[in-house]
């Protein structure tokens, strides 16, 4: 299976980028309009979100915690 190395956008929470190895056929399908979960089912939801938005899984968790804390106040 051919793969591509993809550098993500900067995460708007921490400002860092990530680098992922992605199946080339799935990447092309996604770039051509296929839903990412259909094009890249072997990747985790967190990895797919990282490709879409650049936000790391742990950064999403941090935002959710902060939102829940704000709701409790």
C-alpha atoms as a PDB file:
ATOM      1  CA  UNK A   1       0.000   0.000   0.000  1.00  0.00           C
ATOM      2  CA  UNK A   2       1.381   3.385  -0.998  1.00  0.00           C
ATOM      3  CA  UNK A   3       1.312   6.121   1.613  1.00  0.00           C
ATOM      4  CA  UNK A   4       1.775   9.869   1.733  1.00  0.00           C
ATOM      5  CA  UNK A   5       3.327  11.960   4.487  1.00  0.00           C
ATOM      6  CA  UNK A   6       0.992  14.847   5.307  1.00  0.00           C
ATOM      7  CA  UNK A   7       1.823  17.853   7.486  1.00  0.00           C
ATOM      8  CA  UNK A   8      -1.330  19.241   9.086  1.00  0.00           C
ATOM      9  CA  UNK A   9      -2.407  22.820   9.569  1.00  0.00           C
ATOM     10  CA  UNK A  10      -1.393  24.458  12.827  1.00  0.00           C
ATOM     11  CA  UNK A  11      -3.568  23.470  15.763  1.00  0.00           C
ATOM     12  CA  UNK A  12      -5.482  26.557  16.902  1.00  0.00           C
ATOM     13  CA  UNK A  13      -5.210  25.377  20.522  1.00  0.00           C
ATOM     14  CA  UNK A  14      -1.474  24.669  20.909  1.00  0.00           C
ATOM     15  CA  UNK A  15      -0.069  26.122  17.678  1.00  0.00           C
ATOM     16  CA  UNK A  16       1.799  22.937  16.703  1.00  0.00           C
ATOM     17  CA  UNK A  17       1.582  20.934  13.506  1.00  0.00           C
ATOM     18  CA  UNK A  18       1.510  17.165  13.158  1.00  0.00           C
ATOM     19  CA  UNK A  19       2.828  14.810  10.521  1.00  0.00           C
ATOM     20  CA  UNK A  20       0.786  11.751   9.554  1.00  0.00           C
ATOM     21  CA  UNK A  21       1.426   8.843   7.237  1.00  0.00           C
ATOM     22  CA  UNK A  22      -1.794   8.384   5.268  1.00  0.00           C
ATOM     23  CA  UNK A  23      -2.855   5.742   2.730  1.00  0.00           C
ATOM     24  CA  UNK A  24      -2.416   7.493  -0.623  1.00  0.00           C
ATOM     25  CA  UNK A  25      -5.535   6.065  -2.268  1.00  0.00           C
ATOM     26  CA  UNK A  26      -7.726   7.177   0.652  1.00  0.00           C
ATOM     27  CA  UNK A  27      -6.117  10.605   0.774  1.00  0.00           C
ATOM     28  CA  UNK A  28      -6.834  11.143  -2.916  1.00  0.00           C
ATOM     29  CA  UNK A  29     -10.424   9.954  -2.491  1.00  0.00           C
ATOM     30  CA  UNK A  30     -10.953  12.418   0.387  1.00  0.00           C
ATOM     31  CA  UNK A  31      -9.343  15.257  -1.570  1.00  0.00           C
ATOM     32  CA  UNK A  32     -11.740  14.460  -4.442  1.00  0.00           C
ATOM     33  CA  UNK A  33     -14.811  14.846  -2.233  1.00  0.00           C
ATOM     34  CA  UNK A  34     -15.308  11.475  -0.534  1.00  0.00           C
ATOM     35  CA  UNK A  35     -16.290  11.662   3.138  1.00  0.00           C
ATOM     36  CA  UNK A  36     -13.134  11.266   5.195  1.00  0.00           C
ATOM     37  CA  UNK A  37     -14.578   8.419   7.287  1.00  0.00           C
ATOM     38  CA  UNK A  38     -15.335   6.529   4.063  1.00  0.00           C
ATOM     39  CA  UNK A  39     -12.038   7.366   2.354  1.00  0.00           C
ATOM     40  CA  UNK A  40      -9.832   6.650   5.381  1.00  0.00           C
ATOM     41  CA  UNK A  41     -11.667   4.153   7.621  1.00  0.00           C
ATOM     42  CA  UNK A  42      -8.393   2.658   8.887  1.00  0.00           C
ATOM     43  CA  UNK A  43      -7.519   5.924  10.614  1.00  0.00           C
ATOM     44  CA  UNK A  44      -8.927   6.807  14.022  1.00  0.00           C
ATOM     45  CA  UNK A  45     -11.496   9.574  14.404  1.00  0.00           C
ATOM     46  CA  UNK A  46      -8.819  11.668  16.123  1.00  0.00           C
ATOM     47  CA  UNK A  47      -6.387  11.211  13.233  1.00  0.00           C
ATOM     48  CA  UNK A  48      -9.060  12.128  10.711  1.00  0.00           C
ATOM     49  CA  UNK A  49      -9.954  15.257  12.690  1.00  0.00           C
ATOM     50  CA  UNK A  50      -6.283  16.150  12.759  1.00  0.00           C
ATOM     51  CA  UNK A  51      -6.240  16.001   8.951  1.00  0.00           C
ATOM     52  CA  UNK A  52      -9.397  18.098   8.670  1.00  0.00           C
ATOM     53  CA  UNK A  53      -8.730  20.825  11.223  1.00  0.00           C
ATOM     54  CA  UNK A  54      -5.187  20.401  12.533  1.00  0.00           C
ATOM     55  CA  UNK A  55      -6.497  20.070  16.100  1.00  0.00           C
ATOM     56  CA  UNK A  56      -4.885  17.302  18.146  1.00  0.00           C
ATOM     57  CA  UNK A  57      -7.031  14.834  20.054  1.00  0.00           C
ATOM     58  CA  UNK A  58      -5.640  15.983  23.412  1.00  0.00           C
ATOM     59  CA  UNK A  59      -6.335  19.618  22.465  1.00  0.00           C
ATOM     60  CA  UNK A  60      -9.997  18.763  21.705  1.00  0.00           C
ATOM     61  CA  UNK A  61     -10.204  17.088  25.117  1.00  0.00           C
ATOM     62  CA  UNK A  62      -8.754  20.222  26.744  1.00  0.00           C
ATOM     63  CA  UNK A  63     -11.329  22.435  24.997  1.00  0.00           C
ATOM     64  CA  UNK A  64     -14.181  20.164  26.098  1.00  0.00           C
ATOM     65  CA  UNK A  65     -12.966  20.250  29.712  1.00  0.00           C
ATOM     66  CA  UNK A  66     -12.733  24.036  29.612  1.00  0.00           C
ATOM     67  CA  UNK A  67     -16.251  24.307  28.135  1.00  0.00           C
ATOM     68  CA  UNK A  68     -17.641  22.008  30.839  1.00  0.00           C
ATOM     69  CA  UNK A  69     -15.912  24.067  33.535  1.00  0.00           C
ATOM     70  CA  UNK A  70     -17.392  27.272  32.083  1.00  0.00           C
ATOM     71  CA  UNK A  71     -20.888  25.701  32.151  1.00  0.00           C
ATOM     72  CA  UNK A  72     -20.458  24.751  35.816  1.00  0.00           C
ATOM     73  CA  UNK A  73     -19.722  28.340  36.865  1.00  0.00           C
END
